[in-house]
Amino acid sequence: MNGYFIKSSNITPAIYFDPENQILDIRGKSAPLEPLRIYEQVYDSIDQYKNSGHKKLKVNLALKSVDTSSFKCLYTVLKKLDLSGKIINLNWYYENDNLEMKDKGMEVSKLINIQFNLKDVNEIKVEQLERIMAY
């Protein structure tokens, strides 16, 4: 199973999946016209990861905004993780002045049965992840 990095755009999040280091990171804005085209690769990765020898996965979601269609896709990602049989540690980051993303995180935490950490930050920085991935 291979990892990957998808660079963000002004309407799509950066997505980093590293199965060897047991991490999935999705950050930025998510409002693409066809969110399934973005998230299908994540769905497939989770399905493959479920059958791997890895026991856990750290998931960082750091979204500045998410539209309804993307939110449904993210919920599907989280349900797949919930049902994977793996130990999942989910960090839901939101900017401390973004109550909408905080509320969405609280909503999701009630719908899934995985370790859920709601964390406020001053600013979500997609550029940091992209700089790291450039090396």
Protein backbone atom coordinates (compact mmCIF):
# COMPACT_ATOMS: atom_id res chain seq x y z
CA MET A 1 0.00 0.00 0.00
CA ASN A 2 1.40 3.35 -1.06
CA GLY A 3 1.00 6.71 0.58
CA TYR A 4 0.28 9.91 -1.29
CA PHE A 5 0.02 13.67 -1.07
CA ILE A 6 -2.59 15.76 -2.88
CA LYS A 7 -1.86 19.47 -2.94
CA SER A 8 -4.66 21.83 -1.91
CA SER A 9 -6.40 24.38 -4.08
CA ASN A 10 -8.68 27.26 -3.15
CA ILE A 11 -11.63 24.78 -3.00
CA THR A 12 -9.98 21.44 -2.19
CA PRO A 13 -8.07 20.31 0.89
CA ALA A 14 -4.52 19.01 1.05
CA ILE A 15 -4.63 15.28 1.71
CA TYR A 16 -1.65 13.37 3.06
CA PHE A 17 -1.80 9.63 3.67
CA ASP A 18 1.23 7.75 5.02
CA PRO A 19 0.36 4.16 5.92
CA GLU A 20 3.86 3.35 7.19
CA ASN A 21 3.75 6.19 9.73
CA GLN A 22 0.04 5.52 10.31
CA ILE A 23 -1.25 9.02 9.55
CA LEU A 24 -4.00 10.61 7.49
CA ASP A 25 -4.07 14.41 7.34
CA ILE A 26 -6.76 16.47 5.59
CA ARG A 27 -6.57 20.25 5.86
CA GLY A 28 -7.72 23.43 4.16
CA LYS A 29 -11.04 24.21 2.52
CA SER A 30 -13.35 21.57 1.10
CA ALA A 31 -15.94 22.83 -1.37
CA PRO A 32 -15.22 21.11 -4.70
CA LEU A 33 -17.94 20.75 -7.31
CA GLU A 34 -17.49 16.98 -7.27
CA PRO A 35 -16.28 15.98 -3.80
CA LEU A 36 -16.45 12.26 -4.57
CA ARG A 37 -13.59 12.74 -7.05
CA ILE A 38 -11.48 14.05 -4.16
CA TYR A 39 -12.53 11.62 -1.45
CA GLU A 40 -12.76 8.35 -3.44
CA GLN A 41 -9.01 7.90 -3.11
CA VAL A 42 -9.33 8.31 0.65
CA TYR A 43 -12.16 5.74 0.74
CA ASP A 44 -10.00 3.27 -1.20
CA SER A 45 -7.02 3.92 1.08
CA ILE A 46 -9.09 3.21 4.19
CA ASP A 47 -10.41 -0.01 2.65
CA GLN A 48 -6.83 -1.13 1.94
CA TYR A 49 -5.61 0.02 5.35
CA LYS A 50 -8.35 -1.99 7.01
CA ASN A 51 -6.79 -5.15 5.56
CA SER A 52 -3.23 -4.18 6.47
CA GLY A 53 -1.25 -5.32 9.49
CA HIS A 54 -1.33 -1.85 11.01
CA LYS A 55 -3.24 -1.57 14.26
CA LYS A 56 -3.85 2.16 14.50
CA LEU A 57 -4.17 5.38 12.53
CA LYS A 58 -3.82 9.01 13.56
CA VAL A 59 -6.24 11.24 11.67
CA ASN A 60 -5.87 15.02 11.60
CA LEU A 61 -8.76 17.00 10.16
CA ALA A 62 -8.00 20.72 10.02
CA LEU A 63 -10.63 22.36 7.90
CA LYS A 64 -11.23 26.06 7.50
CA SER A 65 -14.58 25.37 5.84
CA VAL A 66 -16.51 22.47 4.40
CA ASP A 67 -19.62 22.48 2.24
CA THR A 68 -22.53 20.07 2.69
CA SER A 69 -21.43 17.59 0.00
CA SER A 70 -17.87 17.48 1.33
CA PHE A 71 -19.16 17.07 4.88
CA LYS A 72 -21.09 13.98 3.77
CA CYS A 73 -17.91 12.60 2.19
CA LEU A 74 -15.91 13.30 5.36
CA TYR A 75 -18.58 11.60 7.42
CA THR A 76 -18.25 8.55 5.14
CA VAL A 77 -14.47 8.62 5.71
CA LEU A 78 -15.00 8.70 9.46
CA LYS A 79 -17.62 5.92 9.40
CA LYS A 80 -15.24 3.74 7.37
CA LEU A 81 -12.54 4.40 9.96
CA ASP A 82 -14.99 3.67 12.78
CA LEU A 83 -15.82 0.30 11.23
CA SER A 84 -12.22 -0.55 10.29
CA GLY A 85 -11.37 -2.38 13.49
CA LYS A 86 -8.29 -0.17 13.91
CA ILE A 87 -7.49 2.10 16.84
CA ILE A 88 -8.28 5.55 15.48
CA ASN A 89 -7.15 8.78 17.12
CA LEU A 90 -8.99 11.67 15.46
CA ASN A 91 -7.88 15.26 15.97
CA TRP A 92 -10.48 17.74 14.72
CA TYR A 93 -8.80 21.15 14.49
CA TYR A 94 -10.79 24.34 14.08
CA GLU A 95 -9.77 27.98 14.15
CA ASN A 96 -10.78 29.44 17.51
CA ASP A 97 -13.05 32.04 15.89
CA ASN A 98 -14.76 29.49 13.60
CA LEU A 99 -17.74 28.27 15.60
CA GLU A 100 -19.28 26.57 12.57
CA MET A 101 -16.35 24.15 12.26
CA LYS A 102 -16.33 23.61 16.03
CA ASP A 103 -20.06 22.75 15.91
CA LYS A 104 -19.51 20.37 12.98
CA GLY A 105 -16.77 18.64 14.97
CA MET A 106 -19.02 18.30 18.01
CA GLU A 107 -21.78 16.93 15.78
CA VAL A 108 -19.45 14.33 14.25
CA SER A 109 -18.08 13.30 17.65
CA LYS A 110 -21.57 12.16 18.68
CA LEU A 111 -22.04 10.05 15.54
CA ILE A 112 -18.86 7.97 15.57
CA ASN A 113 -17.28 5.67 18.09
CA ILE A 114 -13.59 6.58 17.88
CA GLN A 115 -11.25 8.59 20.08
CA PHE A 116 -12.11 12.19 19.20
CA ASN A 117 -10.11 15.26 20.17
CA LEU A 118 -11.56 18.70 19.45
CA LYS A 119 -8.72 21.23 19.29
CA ASP A 120 -8.85 24.96 18.71
CA VAL A 121 -5.94 26.71 17.01
CA ASN A 122 -5.28 30.31 16.04
CA GLU A 123 -4.91 29.47 12.35
CA ILE A 124 -5.03 26.37 10.18
CA LYS A 125 -1.93 26.38 8.02
CA VAL A 126 -2.08 24.27 4.90
CA GLU A 127 1.24 25.69 3.74
CA GLN A 128 3.16 23.95 6.54
CA LEU A 129 2.05 20.52 5.32
CA GLU A 130 2.78 21.43 1.71
CA ARG A 131 6.27 22.67 2.60
CA ILE A 132 7.05 19.44 4.45
CA MET A 133 5.79 17.38 1.51
CA ALA A 134 7.95 19.32 -0.96
CA TYR A 135 11.05 17.65 0.51
